[in-house]
């Protein structure tokens, strides 16, 4: 399943048109997420540094720079560059957040485990979706929706339910800070494996990756 910005233009035309109009890099990134990859996007709060509070203005914010802005609208999947620019103009400098649990869930491990797992999974020829690297040392694997709810049962079936694993799943209600946005004042999020057209139709089922991720997490714990 492929996506096009505005429903008709190619990626090359979209990017060259963006340069001609002088759009902000944030709008460009958001429009690629909505138009090319079919993801919803939400404007998020930002923090200049972990100890400097949050742009939401609440002094007791529990997740500085890592949550949606109050009353911010969702930019829906399929939104064009013009639609993105119109919405984002009301939230300049906002972080780019992706709602989890709609078109993907996330399996999160340490970045070291994630890098090792990627090498092994690619050698095995297993299908892979995007993977992000966070500034606090985590790797986030995009998997099919439902992984968070089904994780305990999957681990049980694979014999990993009693293991002490540095592994968790994010599902409905969670938000992922997307590249190139800053996460919680710690620095920018980046791609370990960027999104690609061959996986735009949907990320892989968690069961295809979980055995390898669990094994490597267990080895690192030991």
Protein backbone atom coordinates (compact mmCIF):
# COMPACT_ATOMS: atom_id res chain seq x y z
CA UNK A 1 0.00 0.00 0.00
CA UNK A 2 1.60 3.26 -1.07
CA UNK A 3 0.91 6.86 -0.22
CA UNK A 4 1.38 10.14 -2.07
CA UNK A 5 1.43 13.66 -0.79
CA UNK A 6 -1.76 15.37 -1.75
CA UNK A 7 -2.94 12.18 -3.42
CA UNK A 8 -1.18 12.64 -6.76
CA UNK A 9 2.43 13.86 -6.56
CA UNK A 10 5.54 11.72 -6.34
CA UNK A 11 8.07 11.96 -3.52
CA UNK A 12 10.52 13.82 -5.79
CA UNK A 13 7.90 16.36 -6.82
CA UNK A 14 6.81 16.79 -3.21
CA UNK A 15 10.31 17.53 -1.98
CA UNK A 16 11.21 19.93 -4.80
CA UNK A 17 7.89 21.74 -4.34
CA UNK A 18 8.63 22.03 -0.65
CA UNK A 19 11.92 23.76 -1.34
CA UNK A 20 10.31 26.18 -3.77
CA UNK A 21 7.74 27.25 -1.22
CA UNK A 22 10.21 27.45 1.66
CA UNK A 23 8.21 25.25 4.01
CA UNK A 24 9.66 24.54 7.45
CA UNK A 25 11.48 21.28 7.99
CA UNK A 26 8.90 20.32 10.60
CA UNK A 27 6.06 20.66 8.09
CA UNK A 28 8.05 18.66 5.56
CA UNK A 29 8.62 15.85 8.05
CA UNK A 30 4.99 15.80 9.18
CA UNK A 31 3.70 15.77 5.60
CA UNK A 32 5.95 12.83 4.77
CA UNK A 33 4.62 10.95 7.78
CA UNK A 34 0.99 11.63 6.91
CA UNK A 35 1.27 11.42 3.13
CA UNK A 36 3.92 8.78 2.47
CA UNK A 37 3.59 6.47 5.46
CA UNK A 38 -0.05 6.94 6.40
CA UNK A 39 0.50 7.91 10.04
CA UNK A 40 -1.45 10.34 12.20
CA UNK A 41 0.68 13.08 13.80
CA UNK A 42 0.09 15.21 16.91
CA UNK A 43 1.95 18.43 17.89
CA UNK A 44 3.93 17.74 21.07
CA UNK A 45 5.50 19.67 23.91
CA UNK A 46 9.20 20.40 24.00
CA UNK A 47 11.80 20.81 26.74
CA UNK A 48 15.07 22.69 26.32
CA UNK A 49 16.77 20.44 28.88
CA UNK A 50 15.59 17.85 31.41
CA UNK A 51 15.72 20.33 34.30
CA UNK A 52 14.10 23.30 32.54
CA UNK A 53 10.51 22.21 32.58
CA UNK A 54 8.10 21.73 29.72
CA UNK A 55 6.70 24.02 27.05
CA UNK A 56 3.18 23.06 28.17
CA UNK A 57 3.68 25.51 31.05
CA UNK A 58 2.90 23.10 33.91
CA UNK A 59 5.61 23.26 36.56
CA UNK A 60 4.72 19.74 37.75
CA UNK A 61 4.61 18.16 34.28
CA UNK A 62 5.27 14.42 34.60
CA UNK A 63 6.64 14.00 31.06
CA UNK A 64 8.46 17.23 30.10
CA UNK A 65 8.82 17.52 26.35
CA UNK A 66 7.33 14.07 25.74
CA UNK A 67 3.55 14.46 25.50
CA UNK A 68 0.95 16.06 23.18
CA UNK A 69 0.25 19.74 23.65
CA UNK A 70 -3.07 20.44 25.41
CA UNK A 71 -5.99 20.64 22.96
CA UNK A 72 -3.66 20.14 19.97
CA UNK A 73 -5.47 18.57 16.99
CA UNK A 74 -4.42 15.36 15.29
CA UNK A 75 -3.07 15.82 11.78
CA UNK A 76 -4.68 12.80 10.09
CA UNK A 77 -3.04 10.28 7.83
CA UNK A 78 -3.26 11.47 4.24
CA UNK A 79 -3.04 15.18 5.11
CA UNK A 80 -1.40 17.23 2.36
CA UNK A 81 1.52 19.59 2.81
CA UNK A 82 -0.82 22.59 2.71
CA UNK A 83 -3.07 21.04 5.36
CA UNK A 84 -0.08 20.22 7.55
CA UNK A 85 1.31 23.74 7.22
CA UNK A 86 -2.04 25.28 8.15
CA UNK A 87 -2.27 23.18 11.33
CA UNK A 88 1.40 23.38 12.33
CA UNK A 89 1.46 27.18 11.97
CA UNK A 90 -0.52 27.27 15.22
CA UNK A 91 2.13 25.20 17.00
CA UNK A 92 5.54 26.47 15.80
CA UNK A 93 8.42 24.47 17.19
CA UNK A 94 6.20 21.63 18.38
CA UNK A 95 7.65 18.13 18.61
CA UNK A 96 6.39 15.59 16.10
CA UNK A 97 4.52 12.84 17.96
CA UNK A 98 3.06 9.67 16.45
CA UNK A 99 0.07 8.08 18.24
CA UNK A 100 0.80 4.43 18.97
CA UNK A 101 -1.84 1.72 18.67
CA UNK A 102 -3.51 2.93 15.47
CA UNK A 103 -1.38 1.71 12.57
CA UNK A 104 1.47 0.32 14.66
CA UNK A 105 2.51 -0.72 18.16
CA UNK A 106 6.08 -0.53 19.43
CA UNK A 107 8.46 -3.03 21.02
CA UNK A 108 11.16 -1.16 22.91
CA UNK A 109 14.55 -2.51 23.99
CA UNK A 110 17.94 -1.04 24.79
CA UNK A 111 19.70 0.50 21.82
CA UNK A 112 22.53 -2.03 22.06
CA UNK A 113 20.03 -4.89 21.94
CA UNK A 114 18.18 -3.21 19.09
CA UNK A 115 21.32 -2.81 16.96
CA UNK A 116 22.36 -6.42 17.49
CA UNK A 117 18.84 -7.66 16.77
CA UNK A 118 18.64 -5.67 13.53
CA UNK A 119 21.80 -7.34 12.22
CA UNK A 120 20.49 -10.80 13.06
CA UNK A 121 16.96 -10.17 11.77
CA UNK A 122 18.26 -8.81 8.47
CA UNK A 123 20.51 -11.84 8.04
CA UNK A 124 17.49 -14.08 8.66
CA UNK A 125 15.55 -12.22 5.96
CA UNK A 126 12.63 -11.48 8.27
CA UNK A 127 10.30 -8.57 7.45
CA UNK A 128 11.12 -5.40 9.31
CA UNK A 129 9.43 -2.06 9.83
CA UNK A 130 10.91 1.24 10.95
CA UNK A 131 13.10 1.40 14.07
CA UNK A 132 13.91 4.59 15.99
CA UNK A 133 16.81 5.37 18.31
CA UNK A 134 16.05 7.68 21.24
CA UNK A 135 18.57 9.97 22.97
CA UNK A 136 18.14 8.04 26.22
CA UNK A 137 19.46 4.84 24.65
CA UNK A 138 16.34 2.98 23.54
CA UNK A 139 15.48 1.28 20.25
CA UNK A 140 11.81 1.24 19.22
CA UNK A 141 10.64 -1.36 16.69
CA UNK A 142 7.39 -0.66 14.83
CA UNK A 143 5.18 -3.76 14.81
CA UNK A 144 1.57 -4.50 13.91
CA UNK A 145 -1.15 -3.10 16.21
CA UNK A 146 -2.16 -5.36 19.07
CA UNK A 147 1.38 -6.28 20.13
CA UNK A 148 1.16 -4.48 23.47
CA UNK A 149 -1.99 -6.30 24.51
CA UNK A 150 -0.67 -9.65 23.31
CA UNK A 151 2.90 -9.36 24.62
CA UNK A 152 2.47 -11.36 27.87
CA UNK A 153 0.89 -14.27 26.00
CA UNK A 154 3.52 -14.17 23.27
CA UNK A 155 6.35 -14.24 25.80
CA UNK A 156 4.65 -17.13 27.60
CA UNK A 157 4.33 -19.17 24.40
CA UNK A 158 8.00 -18.56 23.58
CA UNK A 159 9.18 -19.47 27.08
CA UNK A 160 10.37 -16.00 27.99
CA UNK A 161 7.64 -15.08 30.48
CA UNK A 162 9.83 -15.71 33.55
CA UNK A 163 12.96 -14.08 32.14
CA UNK A 164 14.23 -10.71 33.35
CA UNK A 165 14.11 -8.86 30.03
CA UNK A 166 14.71 -5.18 29.33
CA UNK A 167 11.82 -5.23 26.88
CA UNK A 168 8.41 -3.60 26.82
CA UNK A 169 5.61 -2.86 24.39
CA UNK A 170 3.83 0.44 23.76
CA UNK A 171 0.24 0.39 22.57
CA UNK A 172 -2.90 2.47 22.42
CA UNK A 173 -2.64 5.72 24.38
CA UNK A 174 1.14 6.04 24.03
CA UNK A 175 2.97 8.54 21.80
CA UNK A 176 6.31 8.11 20.05
CA UNK A 177 8.58 11.11 19.45
CA UNK A 178 9.44 10.93 15.76
CA UNK A 179 12.69 12.01 14.06
CA UNK A 180 14.00 14.65 13.89
CA UNK A 181 12.26 15.98 16.99
CA UNK A 182 13.93 16.42 20.38
CA UNK A 183 12.74 14.00 23.05
CA UNK A 184 12.34 15.36 26.58
CA UNK A 185 15.16 17.85 26.18
CA UNK A 186 17.69 15.03 25.81
CA UNK A 187 18.39 15.40 22.10
CA UNK A 188 16.92 14.38 18.74
CA UNK A 189 15.39 11.02 17.91
CA UNK A 190 16.92 9.32 14.87
CA UNK A 191 16.24 6.31 12.65
CA UNK A 192 18.07 3.03 13.11
CA UNK A 193 15.96 1.79 10.21
CA UNK A 194 13.96 4.47 8.36
CA UNK A 195 10.50 3.83 6.91
CA UNK A 196 10.46 2.48 3.36
CA UNK A 197 7.82 1.95 0.69
CA UNK A 198 8.11 -1.83 0.94
CA UNK A 199 6.73 -1.73 4.49
CA UNK A 200 4.30 1.17 4.09
CA UNK A 201 1.36 -1.22 4.02
CA UNK A 202 1.97 -2.19 7.61
CA UNK A 203 4.74 -3.26 10.00
CA UNK A 204 5.45 -6.94 10.76
CA UNK A 205 3.70 -9.04 13.37
CA UNK A 206 5.46 -8.89 16.73
CA UNK A 207 5.83 -12.67 16.91
CA UNK A 208 8.27 -12.57 13.97
CA UNK A 209 10.72 -10.36 15.85
CA UNK A 210 10.06 -11.12 19.50
CA UNK A 211 12.09 -14.33 19.78
CA UNK A 212 15.25 -12.63 18.53
CA UNK A 213 14.69 -9.50 20.61
CA UNK A 214 14.03 -11.52 23.77
CA UNK A 215 17.08 -13.73 23.23
CA UNK A 216 19.45 -10.79 22.76
CA UNK A 217 17.95 -8.91 25.73
CA UNK A 218 18.49 -12.02 27.85
CA UNK A 219 22.10 -12.40 26.69
CA UNK A 220 22.86 -8.76 27.54
CA UNK A 221 21.29 -9.14 30.98
CA UNK A 222 23.63 -12.06 31.69
